[in-house]
Amino acid sequence: MRDRRVRLIGLTGGIATGKSVVARILAADFDAAVVDSDAVVHALLAPGGAAYAAVVTAFGRDILNDDGRIDRGRLGRWVFQDPAARRRLEAILHPLVIQETARWIETYLATGAWLVVGVAPLMMEVGTHRRFPLVVVTHCSEATQIRRLRERGLSEAEARRRIEAQWPVERKRRMADVVIDTEGSMAETRGQVLALVTWLWPDHPAIARFRLEGMS
């Protein structure tokens, strides 16, 4: 049997399938270092960020708030209604996100993090899942995805467009090393994360602490 003690895993899944929840559990309960592509995009799109000028040039100043910041909601509504605009945005962002994510991963590994988690919704679509020794996919029903997106303020039509802009969850599940079902309660999701960590590092001290806290 291969050594399962990997220090780097990729975490992906469809929109609103619980990636951020699983990442937070890994960080808060198991001291994992998380590199979230969404946070990287925030930094790239901030004034002075590496993508800011190119995105404003490509999409115009109508995407800016009064304070000069890019309104991600406004930009998102545009690109998810217009496939050509989405491809234009992805051409700007994806190379920078891949480069910056790799830099943070290498930094965390070099400074001794026991587990580094790279989180990205389009990991499989762009092929970066191949860089990870182990890939975890979160999933839930489409109805749950739509409900969660509507709770974030999107209309049902907007939610469906964003789901359809990504690969089907089932396709990602077939390519995964580990699948975490987030359809149930938070406790059930946390239990699956515990099972993953136990499988990877069965003697990690955080496991015992997690179990003790769960019983208290």
N, C-alpha and C. Protein backbone atom coordinates (compact mmCIF):
# COMPACT_ATOMS: atom_id res chain seq x y z
N MET A 1 0.86 -1.21 0.00
CA MET A 1 0.00 0.00 0.00
C MET A 1 0.88 1.24 0.00
N ARG A 2 0.49 2.24 -0.80
CA ARG A 2 1.30 3.44 -0.87
C ARG A 2 1.21 4.21 0.44
N ASP A 3 2.24 5.01 0.70
CA ASP A 3 2.23 5.88 1.87
C ASP A 3 1.16 6.94 1.68
N ARG A 4 0.20 6.99 2.59
CA ARG A 4 -0.90 7.94 2.45
C ARG A 4 -0.58 9.27 3.12
N ARG A 5 0.59 9.41 3.73
CA ARG A 5 0.89 10.61 4.49
C ARG A 5 1.27 11.76 3.58
N VAL A 6 0.34 12.15 2.73
CA VAL A 6 0.60 13.28 1.84
C VAL A 6 0.50 14.58 2.62
N ARG A 7 1.26 15.58 2.19
CA ARG A 7 1.22 16.89 2.85
C ARG A 7 0.47 17.91 2.00
N LEU A 8 0.00 17.51 0.83
CA LEU A 8 -0.67 18.43 -0.08
C LEU A 8 -1.87 17.74 -0.70
N ILE A 9 -3.05 18.38 -0.55
CA ILE A 9 -4.25 17.84 -1.20
C ILE A 9 -4.96 18.96 -1.94
N GLY A 10 -5.66 18.58 -3.01
CA GLY A 10 -6.51 19.52 -3.73
C GLY A 10 -7.95 19.32 -3.30
N LEU A 11 -8.68 20.41 -3.14
CA LEU A 11 -10.08 20.36 -2.73
C LEU A 11 -10.90 21.12 -3.77
N THR A 12 -11.84 20.42 -4.39
CA THR A 12 -12.66 21.04 -5.42
C THR A 12 -14.07 20.49 -5.36
N GLY A 13 -14.89 20.91 -6.30
CA GLY A 13 -16.29 20.52 -6.34
C GLY A 13 -17.08 21.62 -7.02
N GLY A 14 -18.34 21.35 -7.29
CA GLY A 14 -19.18 22.36 -7.91
C GLY A 14 -19.43 23.54 -6.99
N ILE A 15 -19.93 24.62 -7.56
CA ILE A 15 -20.26 25.80 -6.79
C ILE A 15 -21.30 25.44 -5.72
N ALA A 16 -21.10 25.96 -4.52
CA ALA A 16 -22.04 25.76 -3.41
C ALA A 16 -22.19 24.30 -3.00
N THR A 17 -21.12 23.52 -3.17
CA THR A 17 -21.16 22.13 -2.70
C THR A 17 -20.42 21.93 -1.39
N GLY A 18 -19.92 23.00 -0.77
CA GLY A 18 -19.34 22.87 0.56
C GLY A 18 -17.83 22.88 0.62
N LYS A 19 -17.16 23.33 -0.44
CA LYS A 19 -15.69 23.37 -0.41
C LYS A 19 -15.18 24.23 0.74
N SER A 20 -15.73 25.43 0.87
CA SER A 20 -15.26 26.35 1.91
C SER A 20 -15.51 25.80 3.30
N VAL A 21 -16.62 25.11 3.48
CA VAL A 21 -16.93 24.52 4.78
C VAL A 21 -15.89 23.46 5.14
N VAL A 22 -15.58 22.58 4.20
CA VAL A 22 -14.59 21.53 4.45
C VAL A 22 -13.22 22.15 4.70
N ALA A 23 -12.88 23.18 3.94
CA ALA A 23 -11.58 23.85 4.14
C ALA A 23 -11.50 24.48 5.53
N ARG A 24 -12.60 25.09 5.98
CA ARG A 24 -12.60 25.71 7.32
C ARG A 24 -12.44 24.66 8.41
N ILE A 25 -13.06 23.51 8.24
CA ILE A 25 -12.91 22.43 9.23
C ILE A 25 -11.46 21.95 9.26
N LEU A 26 -10.86 21.76 8.11
CA LEU A 26 -9.47 21.32 8.05
C LEU A 26 -8.54 22.34 8.71
N ALA A 27 -8.83 23.63 8.49
CA ALA A 27 -7.98 24.66 9.08
C ALA A 27 -8.21 24.81 10.57
N ALA A 28 -9.47 24.89 10.98
CA ALA A 28 -9.78 25.18 12.38
C ALA A 28 -9.57 23.98 13.29
N ASP A 29 -9.94 22.81 12.84
CA ASP A 29 -9.89 21.63 13.70
C ASP A 29 -8.62 20.80 13.55
N PHE A 30 -7.97 20.93 12.39
CA PHE A 30 -6.81 20.08 12.14
C PHE A 30 -5.56 20.87 11.76
N ASP A 31 -5.59 22.17 11.92
CA ASP A 31 -4.41 23.02 11.73
C ASP A 31 -3.81 22.93 10.33
N ALA A 32 -4.64 22.66 9.33
CA ALA A 32 -4.15 22.64 7.95
C ALA A 32 -3.99 24.07 7.45
N ALA A 33 -3.04 24.27 6.55
CA ALA A 33 -2.87 25.55 5.86
C ALA A 33 -3.70 25.51 4.59
N VAL A 34 -4.55 26.52 4.39
CA VAL A 34 -5.46 26.53 3.26
C VAL A 34 -5.08 27.65 2.29
N VAL A 35 -4.98 27.29 1.01
CA VAL A 35 -4.76 28.28 -0.06
C VAL A 35 -6.01 28.25 -0.93
N ASP A 36 -6.87 29.25 -0.75
CA ASP A 36 -8.17 29.29 -1.43
C ASP A 36 -8.07 30.20 -2.65
N SER A 37 -8.40 29.66 -3.80
CA SER A 37 -8.29 30.45 -5.03
C SER A 37 -9.21 31.66 -5.01
N ASP A 38 -10.32 31.57 -4.28
CA ASP A 38 -11.22 32.72 -4.21
C ASP A 38 -10.55 33.89 -3.49
N ALA A 39 -9.82 33.58 -2.42
CA ALA A 39 -9.07 34.63 -1.71
C ALA A 39 -7.97 35.19 -2.61
N VAL A 40 -7.35 34.33 -3.40
CA VAL A 40 -6.31 34.79 -4.34
C VAL A 40 -6.92 35.75 -5.36
N VAL A 41 -8.10 35.40 -5.88
CA VAL A 41 -8.78 36.27 -6.85
C VAL A 41 -9.10 37.62 -6.22
N HIS A 42 -9.59 37.61 -4.96
CA HIS A 42 -9.86 38.87 -4.27
C HIS A 42 -8.63 39.78 -4.29
N ALA A 43 -7.48 39.18 -3.95
CA ALA A 43 -6.24 39.97 -3.90
C ALA A 43 -5.84 40.46 -5.28
N LEU A 44 -5.99 39.62 -6.29
CA LEU A 44 -5.62 40.01 -7.65
C LEU A 44 -6.48 41.14 -8.20
N LEU A 45 -7.77 41.17 -7.79
CA LEU A 45 -8.70 42.16 -8.30
C LEU A 45 -8.74 43.44 -7.47
N ALA A 46 -8.08 43.42 -6.31
CA ALA A 46 -8.04 44.63 -5.49
C ALA A 46 -7.24 45.72 -6.19
N PRO A 47 -7.53 47.00 -5.91
CA PRO A 47 -6.72 48.06 -6.51
C PRO A 47 -5.23 47.83 -6.25
N GLY A 48 -4.44 47.86 -7.29
CA GLY A 48 -3.03 47.56 -7.18
C GLY A 48 -2.70 46.10 -7.35
N GLY A 49 -3.73 45.23 -7.37
CA GLY A 49 -3.51 43.80 -7.58
C GLY A 49 -3.07 43.52 -9.01
N ALA A 50 -2.48 42.35 -9.21
CA ALA A 50 -1.87 42.04 -10.51
C ALA A 50 -2.86 41.97 -11.66
N ALA A 51 -4.16 41.74 -11.36
CA ALA A 51 -5.15 41.62 -12.43
C ALA A 51 -6.03 42.86 -12.57
N TYR A 52 -5.91 43.78 -11.63
CA TYR A 52 -6.85 44.91 -11.57
C TYR A 52 -6.88 45.71 -12.88
N ALA A 53 -5.73 46.18 -13.32
CA ALA A 53 -5.68 47.05 -14.50
C ALA A 53 -6.18 46.33 -15.74
N ALA A 54 -5.78 45.07 -15.91
CA ALA A 54 -6.17 44.33 -17.11
C ALA A 54 -7.68 44.09 -17.14
N VAL A 55 -8.27 43.80 -15.98
CA VAL A 55 -9.72 43.55 -15.93
C VAL A 55 -10.49 44.84 -16.17
N VAL A 56 -10.05 45.94 -15.60
CA VAL A 56 -10.73 47.22 -15.83
C VAL A 56 -10.62 47.62 -17.29
N THR A 57 -9.47 47.40 -17.89
CA THR A 57 -9.29 47.70 -19.32
C THR A 57 -10.21 46.84 -20.17
N ALA A 58 -10.35 45.56 -19.81
CA ALA A 58 -11.15 44.62 -20.60
C ALA A 58 -12.65 44.86 -20.46
N PHE A 59 -13.09 45.30 -19.27
CA PHE A 59 -14.53 45.38 -19.00
C PHE A 59 -15.04 46.79 -18.75
N GLY A 60 -14.16 47.76 -18.66
CA GLY A 60 -14.59 49.14 -18.51
C GLY A 60 -14.81 49.55 -17.07
N ARG A 61 -14.91 50.84 -16.86
CA ARG A 61 -15.03 51.38 -15.51
C ARG A 61 -16.43 51.21 -14.92
N ASP A 62 -17.37 50.72 -15.71
CA ASP A 62 -18.71 50.46 -15.17
C ASP A 62 -18.71 49.34 -14.14
N ILE A 63 -17.66 48.54 -14.09
CA ILE A 63 -17.61 47.46 -13.10
C ILE A 63 -17.08 47.94 -11.76
N LEU A 64 -16.73 49.23 -11.66
CA LEU A 64 -16.12 49.75 -10.44
C LEU A 64 -17.17 50.35 -9.51
N ASN A 65 -16.95 50.18 -8.21
CA ASN A 65 -17.73 50.88 -7.20
C ASN A 65 -17.26 52.33 -7.11
N ASP A 66 -17.93 53.11 -6.28
CA ASP A 66 -17.56 54.52 -6.12
C ASP A 66 -16.14 54.69 -5.57
N ASP A 67 -15.68 53.69 -4.81
CA ASP A 67 -14.34 53.80 -4.23
C ASP A 67 -13.25 53.25 -5.15
N GLY A 68 -13.62 52.91 -6.38
CA GLY A 68 -12.63 52.43 -7.34
C GLY A 68 -12.36 50.94 -7.29
N ARG A 69 -13.04 50.23 -6.40
CA ARG A 69 -12.86 48.78 -6.33
C ARG A 69 -13.76 48.08 -7.34
N ILE A 70 -13.29 46.94 -7.83
CA ILE A 70 -14.09 46.14 -8.75
C ILE A 70 -15.26 45.54 -7.99
N ASP A 71 -16.46 45.74 -8.50
CA ASP A 71 -17.66 45.14 -7.92
C ASP A 71 -17.76 43.71 -8.45
N ARG A 72 -17.37 42.74 -7.64
CA ARG A 72 -17.33 41.36 -8.11
C ARG A 72 -18.71 40.82 -8.44
N GLY A 73 -19.73 41.30 -7.71
CA GLY A 73 -21.09 40.87 -8.02
C GLY A 73 -21.52 41.34 -9.40
N ARG A 74 -21.23 42.61 -9.70
CA ARG A 74 -21.58 43.17 -11.01
C ARG A 74 -20.81 42.46 -12.12
N LEU A 75 -19.52 42.26 -11.89
CA LEU A 75 -18.69 41.57 -12.89
C LEU A 75 -19.17 40.13 -13.07
N GLY A 76 -19.51 39.47 -11.96
CA GLY A 76 -19.97 38.09 -12.04
C GLY A 76 -21.26 37.95 -12.83
N ARG A 77 -22.21 38.86 -12.60
CA ARG A 77 -23.47 38.79 -13.35
C ARG A 77 -23.22 38.96 -14.85
N TRP A 78 -22.28 39.82 -15.19
CA TRP A 78 -21.94 40.04 -16.61
C TRP A 78 -21.38 38.77 -17.23
N VAL A 79 -20.33 38.22 -16.61
CA VAL A 79 -19.61 37.12 -17.26
C VAL A 79 -20.41 35.82 -17.27
N PHE A 80 -21.33 35.64 -16.30
CA PHE A 80 -22.12 34.41 -16.32
C PHE A 80 -23.31 34.50 -17.26
N GLN A 81 -23.57 35.69 -17.79
CA GLN A 81 -24.58 35.83 -18.84
C GLN A 81 -23.97 35.82 -20.23
N ASP A 82 -22.66 35.99 -20.30
CA ASP A 82 -21.97 36.15 -21.59
C ASP A 82 -20.75 35.24 -21.62
N PRO A 83 -20.85 34.07 -22.27
CA PRO A 83 -19.72 33.12 -22.29
C PRO A 83 -18.43 33.73 -22.83
N ALA A 84 -18.53 34.62 -23.81
CA ALA A 84 -17.32 35.23 -24.37
C ALA A 84 -16.65 36.12 -23.33
N ALA A 85 -17.46 36.85 -22.56
CA ALA A 85 -16.91 37.69 -21.50
C ALA A 85 -16.26 36.83 -20.42
N ARG A 86 -16.89 35.70 -20.11
CA ARG A 86 -16.31 34.82 -19.09
C ARG A 86 -14.96 34.27 -19.55
N ARG A 87 -14.87 33.90 -20.82
CA ARG A 87 -13.59 33.40 -21.34
C ARG A 87 -12.53 34.50 -21.29
N ARG A 88 -12.95 35.74 -21.57
CA ARG A 88 -12.01 36.86 -21.53
C ARG A 88 -11.48 37.07 -20.11
N LEU A 89 -12.38 36.99 -19.14
CA LEU A 89 -11.97 37.15 -17.74
C LEU A 89 -11.06 36.00 -17.31
N GLU A 90 -11.43 34.78 -17.68
CA GLU A 90 -10.63 33.62 -17.30
C GLU A 90 -9.23 33.68 -17.91
N ALA A 91 -9.13 34.19 -19.12
CA ALA A 91 -7.81 34.31 -19.77
C ALA A 91 -6.90 35.25 -18.99
N ILE A 92 -7.49 36.25 -18.36
CA ILE A 92 -6.70 37.18 -17.54
C ILE A 92 -6.36 36.54 -16.20
N LEU A 93 -7.37 35.96 -15.55
CA LEU A 93 -7.21 35.52 -14.16
C LEU A 93 -6.50 34.18 -13.99
N HIS A 94 -6.84 33.20 -14.81
CA HIS A 94 -6.37 31.84 -14.53
C HIS A 94 -4.84 31.73 -14.44
N PRO A 95 -4.08 32.28 -15.37
CA PRO A 95 -2.61 32.15 -15.23
C PRO A 95 -2.09 32.78 -13.94
N LEU A 96 -2.67 33.92 -13.56
CA LEU A 96 -2.22 34.59 -12.33
C LEU A 96 -2.63 33.82 -11.09
N VAL A 97 -3.84 33.26 -11.10
CA VAL A 97 -4.30 32.47 -9.95
C VAL A 97 -3.43 31.23 -9.78
N ILE A 98 -3.14 30.55 -10.88
CA ILE A 98 -2.30 29.35 -10.81
C ILE A 98 -0.92 29.69 -10.27
N GLN A 99 -0.35 30.78 -10.75
CA GLN A 99 0.99 31.19 -10.31
C GLN A 99 1.00 31.56 -8.82
N GLU A 100 0.02 32.35 -8.40
CA GLU A 100 0.00 32.82 -7.01
C GLU A 100 -0.35 31.68 -6.05
N THR A 101 -1.25 30.80 -6.46
CA THR A 101 -1.60 29.65 -5.63
C THR A 101 -0.38 28.76 -5.42
N ALA A 102 0.36 28.50 -6.50
CA ALA A 102 1.56 27.67 -6.39
C ALA A 102 2.58 28.30 -5.45
N ARG A 103 2.70 29.63 -5.51
CA ARG A 103 3.65 30.32 -4.64
C ARG A 103 3.29 30.14 -3.17
N TRP A 104 2.00 30.30 -2.84
CA TRP A 104 1.58 30.14 -1.45
C TRP A 104 1.72 28.69 -0.98
N ILE A 105 1.40 27.74 -1.85
CA ILE A 105 1.55 26.33 -1.48
C ILE A 105 3.00 26.01 -1.16
N GLU A 106 3.91 26.45 -2.02
CA GLU A 106 5.33 26.20 -1.78
C GLU A 106 5.81 26.86 -0.50
N THR A 107 5.29 28.06 -0.21
CA THR A 107 5.67 28.76 1.02
C THR A 107 5.23 27.96 2.24
N TYR A 108 3.99 27.49 2.25
CA TYR A 108 3.49 26.73 3.39
C TYR A 108 4.24 25.40 3.56
N LEU A 109 4.51 24.73 2.46
CA LEU A 109 5.24 23.46 2.55
C LEU A 109 6.66 23.70 3.08
N ALA A 110 7.29 24.77 2.61
CA ALA A 110 8.67 25.06 3.03
C ALA A 110 8.76 25.45 4.49
N THR A 111 7.67 26.02 5.03
CA THR A 111 7.70 26.45 6.43
C THR A 111 7.15 25.39 7.38
N GLY A 112 6.88 24.19 6.85
CA GLY A 112 6.60 23.05 7.72
C GLY A 112 5.16 22.72 8.01
N ALA A 113 4.20 23.28 7.26
CA ALA A 113 2.80 22.91 7.47
C ALA A 113 2.64 21.41 7.27
N TRP A 114 1.93 20.78 8.18
CA TRP A 114 1.78 19.31 8.08
C TRP A 114 0.86 18.94 6.92
N LEU A 115 -0.11 19.82 6.62
CA LEU A 115 -1.02 19.58 5.50
C LEU A 115 -1.37 20.92 4.86
N VAL A 116 -1.22 20.99 3.54
CA VAL A 116 -1.60 22.18 2.78
C VAL A 116 -2.75 21.78 1.87
N VAL A 117 -3.81 22.60 1.88
CA VAL A 117 -5.02 22.32 1.11
C VAL A 117 -5.20 23.42 0.06
N GLY A 118 -5.12 23.03 -1.21
CA GLY A 118 -5.40 23.97 -2.29
C GLY A 118 -6.85 23.86 -2.68
N VAL A 119 -7.59 24.97 -2.60
CA VAL A 119 -9.03 24.97 -2.87
C VAL A 119 -9.31 25.75 -4.14
N ALA A 120 -10.00 25.14 -5.10
CA ALA A 120 -10.32 25.83 -6.35
C ALA A 120 -11.54 25.17 -6.99
N PRO A 121 -12.54 25.96 -7.39
CA PRO A 121 -13.73 25.36 -8.01
C PRO A 121 -13.48 24.80 -9.40
N LEU A 122 -12.52 25.38 -10.14
CA LEU A 122 -12.27 24.97 -11.53
C LEU A 122 -10.99 24.16 -11.67
N MET A 123 -10.56 23.54 -10.60
CA MET A 123 -9.31 22.79 -10.60
C MET A 123 -9.27 21.75 -11.71
N MET A 124 -10.35 21.00 -11.87
CA MET A 124 -10.37 19.95 -12.89
C MET A 124 -10.56 20.54 -14.29
N GLU A 125 -11.36 21.60 -14.38
CA GLU A 125 -11.58 22.22 -15.68
C GLU A 125 -10.28 22.74 -16.29
N VAL A 126 -9.39 23.29 -15.47
CA VAL A 126 -8.15 23.86 -16.00
C VAL A 126 -6.97 22.89 -15.90
N GLY A 127 -7.19 21.74 -15.26
CA GLY A 127 -6.16 20.70 -15.22
C GLY A 127 -5.18 20.77 -14.07
N THR A 128 -5.35 21.72 -13.14
CA THR A 128 -4.37 21.83 -12.05
C THR A 128 -4.55 20.75 -10.99
N HIS A 129 -5.64 19.97 -11.06
CA HIS A 129 -5.80 18.86 -10.12
C HIS A 129 -4.65 17.86 -10.24
N ARG A 130 -4.01 17.81 -11.41
CA ARG A 130 -2.92 16.86 -11.61
C ARG A 130 -1.70 17.19 -10.77
N ARG A 131 -1.63 18.40 -10.22
CA ARG A 131 -0.48 18.81 -9.41
C ARG A 131 -0.59 18.31 -7.97
N PHE A 132 -1.75 17.75 -7.61
CA PHE A 132 -1.97 17.34 -6.23
C PHE A 132 -1.89 15.82 -6.08
N PRO A 133 -1.17 15.33 -5.06
CA PRO A 133 -1.08 13.89 -4.86
C PRO A 133 -2.43 13.24 -4.56
N LEU A 134 -3.35 14.03 -4.01
CA LEU A 134 -4.66 13.50 -3.66
C LEU A 134 -5.69 14.61 -3.86
N VAL A 135 -6.82 14.26 -4.48
CA VAL A 135 -7.86 15.25 -4.79
C VAL A 135 -9.16 14.86 -4.09
N VAL A 136 -9.71 15.81 -3.34
CA VAL A 136 -10.97 15.63 -2.63
C VAL A 136 -12.04 16.44 -3.33
N VAL A 137 -13.20 15.83 -3.56
CA VAL A 137 -14.32 16.51 -4.21
C VAL A 137 -15.51 16.55 -3.25
N THR A 138 -16.07 17.76 -3.06
CA THR A 138 -17.30 17.89 -2.30
C THR A 138 -18.48 17.81 -3.26
N HIS A 139 -19.59 17.28 -2.76
CA HIS A 139 -20.76 17.22 -3.63
C HIS A 139 -22.04 17.26 -2.79
N CYS A 140 -23.12 17.67 -3.46
CA CYS A 140 -24.47 17.64 -2.91
C CYS A 140 -25.42 17.65 -4.10
N SER A 141 -26.70 17.59 -3.85
CA SER A 141 -27.66 17.60 -4.95
C SER A 141 -27.72 18.97 -5.60
N GLU A 142 -28.16 19.01 -6.84
CA GLU A 142 -28.31 20.29 -7.53
C GLU A 142 -29.34 21.16 -6.81
N ALA A 143 -30.39 20.54 -6.29
CA ALA A 143 -31.40 21.32 -5.56
C ALA A 143 -30.78 22.03 -4.36
N THR A 144 -29.86 21.37 -3.69
CA THR A 144 -29.18 21.99 -2.55
C THR A 144 -28.25 23.10 -3.02
N GLN A 145 -27.56 22.87 -4.12
CA GLN A 145 -26.72 23.95 -4.68
C GLN A 145 -27.55 25.19 -4.96
N ILE A 146 -28.69 25.01 -5.62
CA ILE A 146 -29.54 26.14 -5.97
C ILE A 146 -30.05 26.84 -4.71
N ARG A 147 -30.47 26.04 -3.72
CA ARG A 147 -30.95 26.65 -2.46
C ARG A 147 -29.86 27.48 -1.81
N ARG A 148 -28.64 26.95 -1.74
CA ARG A 148 -27.53 27.68 -1.11
C ARG A 148 -27.21 28.95 -1.89
N LEU A 149 -27.23 28.88 -3.21
CA LEU A 149 -26.93 30.06 -4.02
C LEU A 149 -28.03 31.12 -3.87
N ARG A 150 -29.27 30.68 -3.77
CA ARG A 150 -30.36 31.64 -3.58
C ARG A 150 -30.25 32.31 -2.20
N GLU A 151 -29.75 31.55 -1.22
CA GLU A 151 -29.52 32.15 0.11
C GLU A 151 -28.41 33.19 0.06
N ARG A 152 -27.55 33.13 -0.96
CA ARG A 152 -26.50 34.13 -1.14
C ARG A 152 -26.99 35.34 -1.94
N GLY A 153 -28.26 35.31 -2.35
CA GLY A 153 -28.83 36.46 -3.04
C GLY A 153 -29.00 36.32 -4.53
N LEU A 154 -28.68 35.15 -5.10
CA LEU A 154 -28.84 34.95 -6.53
C LEU A 154 -30.27 34.50 -6.85
N SER A 155 -30.74 34.84 -8.03
CA SER A 155 -32.01 34.29 -8.50
C SER A 155 -31.81 32.84 -8.92
N GLU A 156 -32.89 32.11 -9.11
CA GLU A 156 -32.75 30.71 -9.54
C GLU A 156 -32.08 30.64 -10.91
N ALA A 157 -32.42 31.57 -11.81
CA ALA A 157 -31.80 31.57 -13.14
C ALA A 157 -30.30 31.82 -13.04
N GLU A 158 -29.90 32.78 -12.19
CA GLU A 158 -28.48 33.06 -12.01
C GLU A 158 -27.76 31.86 -11.42
N ALA A 159 -28.42 31.21 -10.45
CA ALA A 159 -27.82 30.03 -9.82
C ALA A 159 -27.59 28.92 -10.85
N ARG A 160 -28.58 28.69 -11.69
CA ARG A 160 -28.44 27.63 -12.70
C ARG A 160 -27.34 27.96 -13.70
N ARG A 161 -27.22 29.22 -14.08
CA ARG A 161 -26.16 29.61 -15.02
C ARG A 161 -24.80 29.33 -14.43
N ARG A 162 -24.63 29.61 -13.15
CA ARG A 162 -23.32 29.40 -12.52
C ARG A 162 -23.01 27.91 -12.37
N ILE A 163 -24.02 27.12 -12.07
CA ILE A 163 -23.82 25.68 -11.99
C ILE A 163 -23.46 25.11 -13.36
N GLU A 164 -24.15 25.57 -14.40
CA GLU A 164 -23.93 25.06 -15.75
C GLU A 164 -22.61 25.51 -16.35
N ALA A 165 -22.00 26.56 -15.76
CA ALA A 165 -20.71 27.04 -16.26
C ALA A 165 -19.56 26.14 -15.83
N GLN A 166 -19.82 25.21 -14.92
CA GLN A 166 -18.80 24.29 -14.43
C GLN A 166 -19.11 22.87 -14.90
N TRP A 167 -18.12 22.00 -14.77
CA TRP A 167 -18.37 20.59 -15.06
C TRP A 167 -19.43 20.05 -14.12
N PRO A 168 -20.22 19.07 -14.55
CA PRO A 168 -21.18 18.45 -13.63
C PRO A 168 -20.47 17.84 -12.42
N VAL A 169 -21.11 17.93 -11.27
CA VAL A 169 -20.51 17.38 -10.05
C VAL A 169 -20.20 15.90 -10.21
N GLU A 170 -21.07 15.18 -10.90
CA GLU A 170 -20.86 13.74 -11.06
C GLU A 170 -19.56 13.44 -11.81
N ARG A 171 -19.23 14.25 -12.79
CA ARG A 171 -17.97 14.07 -13.52
C ARG A 171 -16.79 14.27 -12.59
N LYS A 172 -16.87 15.27 -11.72
CA LYS A 172 -15.78 15.51 -10.77
C LYS A 172 -15.68 14.37 -9.76
N ARG A 173 -16.82 13.86 -9.35
CA ARG A 173 -16.81 12.74 -8.39
C ARG A 173 -16.06 11.54 -8.97
N ARG A 174 -16.26 11.26 -10.24
CA ARG A 174 -15.61 10.10 -10.86
C ARG A 174 -14.09 10.27 -10.91
N MET A 175 -13.61 11.51 -10.89
CA MET A 175 -12.17 11.77 -10.98
C MET A 175 -11.52 11.93 -9.61
N ALA A 176 -12.31 11.89 -8.56
CA ALA A 176 -11.81 12.18 -7.21
C ALA A 176 -11.11 10.97 -6.59
N ASP A 177 -10.18 11.25 -5.68
CA ASP A 177 -9.62 10.21 -4.82
C ASP A 177 -10.51 10.00 -3.60
N VAL A 178 -11.08 11.09 -3.11
CA VAL A 178 -11.96 11.05 -1.93
C VAL A 178 -13.15 11.96 -2.23
N VAL A 179 -14.34 11.52 -1.82
CA VAL A 179 -15.56 12.31 -2.00
C VAL A 179 -16.17 12.61 -0.64
N ILE A 180 -16.55 13.86 -0.43
CA ILE A 180 -17.23 14.26 0.81
C ILE A 180 -18.61 14.77 0.45
N ASP A 181 -19.63 14.13 1.03
CA ASP A 181 -21.03 14.46 0.78
C ASP A 181 -21.46 15.51 1.80
N THR A 182 -21.81 16.70 1.34
CA THR A 182 -22.20 17.78 2.25
C THR A 182 -23.72 17.99 2.30
N GLU A 183 -24.46 17.02 1.82
CA GLU A 183 -25.92 17.14 1.80
C GLU A 183 -26.52 17.16 3.21
N GLY A 184 -25.86 16.47 4.14
CA GLY A 184 -26.41 16.31 5.48
C GLY A 184 -26.03 17.44 6.43
N SER A 185 -26.00 17.11 7.70
CA SER A 185 -25.74 18.10 8.74
C SER A 185 -24.25 18.46 8.80
N MET A 186 -23.96 19.54 9.52
CA MET A 186 -22.56 19.93 9.71
C MET A 186 -21.81 18.81 10.45
N ALA A 187 -22.46 18.19 11.41
CA ALA A 187 -21.81 17.10 12.15
C ALA A 187 -21.43 15.96 11.22
N GLU A 188 -22.29 15.66 10.26
CA GLU A 188 -21.99 14.59 9.31
C GLU A 188 -20.82 14.98 8.40
N THR A 189 -20.79 16.22 7.99
CA THR A 189 -19.66 16.68 7.17
C THR A 189 -18.37 16.63 7.97
N ARG A 190 -18.40 17.09 9.21
CA ARG A 190 -17.20 17.06 10.05
C ARG A 190 -16.73 15.63 10.26
N GLY A 191 -17.66 14.70 10.38
CA GLY A 191 -17.29 13.30 10.55
C GLY A 191 -16.55 12.76 9.34
N GLN A 192 -16.96 13.18 8.15
CA GLN A 192 -16.27 12.75 6.93
C GLN A 192 -14.87 13.36 6.83
N VAL A 193 -14.74 14.61 7.29
CA VAL A 193 -13.41 15.23 7.30
C VAL A 193 -12.51 14.50 8.29
N LEU A 194 -13.05 14.15 9.45
CA LEU A 194 -12.29 13.36 10.42
C LEU A 194 -11.83 12.04 9.80
N ALA A 195 -12.71 11.39 9.06
CA ALA A 195 -12.34 10.12 8.42
C ALA A 195 -11.22 10.33 7.42
N LEU A 196 -11.27 11.43 6.68
CA LEU A 196 -10.21 11.73 5.71
C LEU A 196 -8.87 11.93 6.42
N VAL A 197 -8.85 12.76 7.46
CA VAL A 197 -7.60 13.02 8.17
C VAL A 197 -7.07 11.74 8.82
N THR A 198 -7.97 10.94 9.39
CA THR A 198 -7.56 9.68 10.02
C THR A 198 -6.95 8.74 8.99
N TRP A 199 -7.53 8.72 7.80
CA TRP A 199 -6.99 7.88 6.73
C TRP A 199 -5.62 8.36 6.29
N LEU A 200 -5.45 9.69 6.22
CA LEU A 200 -4.17 10.25 5.77
C LEU A 200 -3.08 10.11 6.82
N TRP A 201 -3.41 10.54 8.05
CA TRP A 201 -2.43 10.58 9.14
C TRP A 201 -3.07 10.00 10.40
N PRO A 202 -3.15 8.70 10.53
CA PRO A 202 -3.92 8.08 11.63
C PRO A 202 -3.43 8.43 13.03
N ASP A 203 -2.18 8.85 13.18
CA ASP A 203 -1.68 9.17 14.52
C ASP A 203 -1.53 10.68 14.74
N HIS A 204 -2.17 11.49 13.88
CA HIS A 204 -2.03 12.93 14.07
C HIS A 204 -2.72 13.35 15.37
N PRO A 205 -2.06 14.15 16.21
CA PRO A 205 -2.63 14.51 17.52
C PRO A 205 -3.95 15.25 17.44
N ALA A 206 -4.22 15.95 16.36
CA ALA A 206 -5.48 16.69 16.24
C ALA A 206 -6.68 15.76 16.21
N ILE A 207 -6.48 14.51 15.81
CA ILE A 207 -7.59 13.57 15.73
C ILE A 207 -8.17 13.30 17.12
N ALA A 208 -7.30 13.01 18.07
CA ALA A 208 -7.77 12.75 19.44
C ALA A 208 -8.45 13.98 20.02
N ARG A 209 -7.88 15.16 19.78
CA ARG A 209 -8.48 16.39 20.29
C ARG A 209 -9.85 16.61 19.67
N PHE A 210 -9.97 16.37 18.39
CA PHE A 210 -11.24 16.53 17.68
C PHE A 210 -12.30 15.63 18.30
N ARG A 211 -11.93 14.36 18.56
CA ARG A 211 -12.89 13.42 19.12
C ARG A 211 -13.30 13.80 20.54
N LEU A 212 -12.35 14.26 21.34
CA LEU A 212 -12.66 14.68 22.70
C LEU A 212 -13.61 15.87 22.69
N GLU A 213 -13.33 16.84 21.82
CA GLU A 213 -14.19 18.03 21.75
C GLU A 213 -15.59 17.65 21.26
N GLY A 214 -15.65 16.65 20.36
CA GLY A 214 -16.94 16.23 19.85
C GLY A 214 -17.80 15.55 20.89
N MET A 215 -17.15 14.96 21.92
CA MET A 215 -17.90 14.27 22.95
C MET A 215 -18.26 15.18 24.12
N SER A 216 -17.65 16.39 24.15
CA SER A 216 -17.87 17.28 25.29
C SER A 216 -19.13 18.11 25.11
